Protein backbone atom coordinates (compact mmCIF):
# COMPACT_ATOMS: atom_id res chain seq x y z
CA MET A 1 -3.89 -6.62 70.10
CA THR A 2 -3.94 -3.10 68.60
CA ARG A 3 -5.36 -0.16 70.34
CA LEU A 4 -5.55 3.66 69.70
CA GLY A 5 -3.37 6.10 71.47
CA VAL A 6 -3.20 9.84 71.39
CA ASP A 7 -0.38 12.33 72.21
CA PRO A 8 -2.22 14.98 74.08
CA ILE A 9 0.68 17.41 73.59
CA ALA A 10 0.59 17.01 69.71
CA CYS A 11 -3.17 16.97 69.46
CA THR A 12 -4.67 20.27 68.51
CA GLY A 13 -8.29 19.15 68.50
CA HIS A 14 -9.09 19.08 64.76
CA GLY A 15 -11.72 16.21 65.25
CA ILE A 16 -10.97 14.39 61.93
CA CYS A 17 -10.28 11.34 63.89
CA ALA A 18 -13.90 11.23 65.40
CA GLU A 19 -15.34 11.93 61.99
CA LEU A 20 -13.60 9.00 60.41
CA LEU A 21 -13.94 6.50 63.52
CA PRO A 22 -17.09 7.63 65.50
CA GLU A 23 -17.26 3.95 66.90
CA GLY A 24 -13.91 4.49 68.68
CA ILE A 25 -13.48 8.09 69.12
CA ALA A 26 -15.57 10.77 70.64
CA LEU A 27 -14.84 14.37 71.24
CA ASP A 28 -14.86 16.23 74.58
CA GLU A 29 -16.36 19.72 74.92
CA TRP A 30 -13.18 21.32 73.51
CA GLY A 31 -12.93 18.99 70.47
CA TYR A 32 -10.18 16.72 71.73
CA PRO A 33 -10.45 12.91 71.27
CA LEU A 34 -11.74 10.52 73.94
CA LEU A 35 -10.61 7.05 72.92
CA ALA A 36 -12.61 3.87 73.49
CA ALA A 37 -11.05 1.66 75.92
CA GLY A 38 -9.44 -1.64 74.81
CA GLU A 39 -8.39 -3.01 71.57
CA VAL A 40 -9.64 -2.02 68.12
CA PRO A 41 -12.01 -4.67 66.78
CA ALA A 42 -10.69 -6.34 63.62
CA GLU A 43 -13.52 -5.02 61.47
CA LEU A 44 -12.47 -1.42 62.51
CA LEU A 45 -8.71 -1.68 61.88
CA ARG A 46 -8.63 -0.36 58.45
CA ARG A 47 -10.75 2.69 59.45
CA ALA A 48 -8.63 3.12 62.50
CA ARG A 49 -5.51 3.24 60.32
CA SER A 50 -7.12 5.78 58.00
CA ALA A 51 -8.02 7.91 61.06
CA ALA A 52 -4.45 7.86 62.38
CA ALA A 53 -3.12 8.72 58.88
CA ALA A 54 -5.49 11.63 58.40
CA CYS A 55 -4.40 13.23 61.76
CA PRO A 56 -2.82 16.64 60.65
CA THR A 57 -0.46 16.60 63.73
CA ARG A 58 0.15 12.87 63.77
CA ALA A 59 -1.11 12.67 67.39
CA LEU A 60 -3.26 9.67 66.81
CA LYS A 61 -1.45 6.34 66.64
CA LEU A 62 -2.18 2.59 66.49
CA LEU A 63 -0.30 0.91 69.18
CA ALA A 64 0.58 -2.90 69.09
CA ASP A 65 0.79 -4.31 72.55
CA ALA A 66 3.74 -6.54 73.18
CA ALA A 67 1.60 -9.54 73.66
CA GLY A 68 -0.19 -8.97 70.34
């Protein structure tokens, strides 16, 4: 299982992640990411990787659960 995680200290609210992965990331009223709960669906993994790689502060991460 792979899920998204965000470092709230590193995140500066650029919003690129939500533009690249709107199915899994919404923005709050200040532009900070609100991540969808649960694992990233297989069909969205490539786009989730792209969103994490595009994060200017590297605050967005893909996390693999120990069971996955």
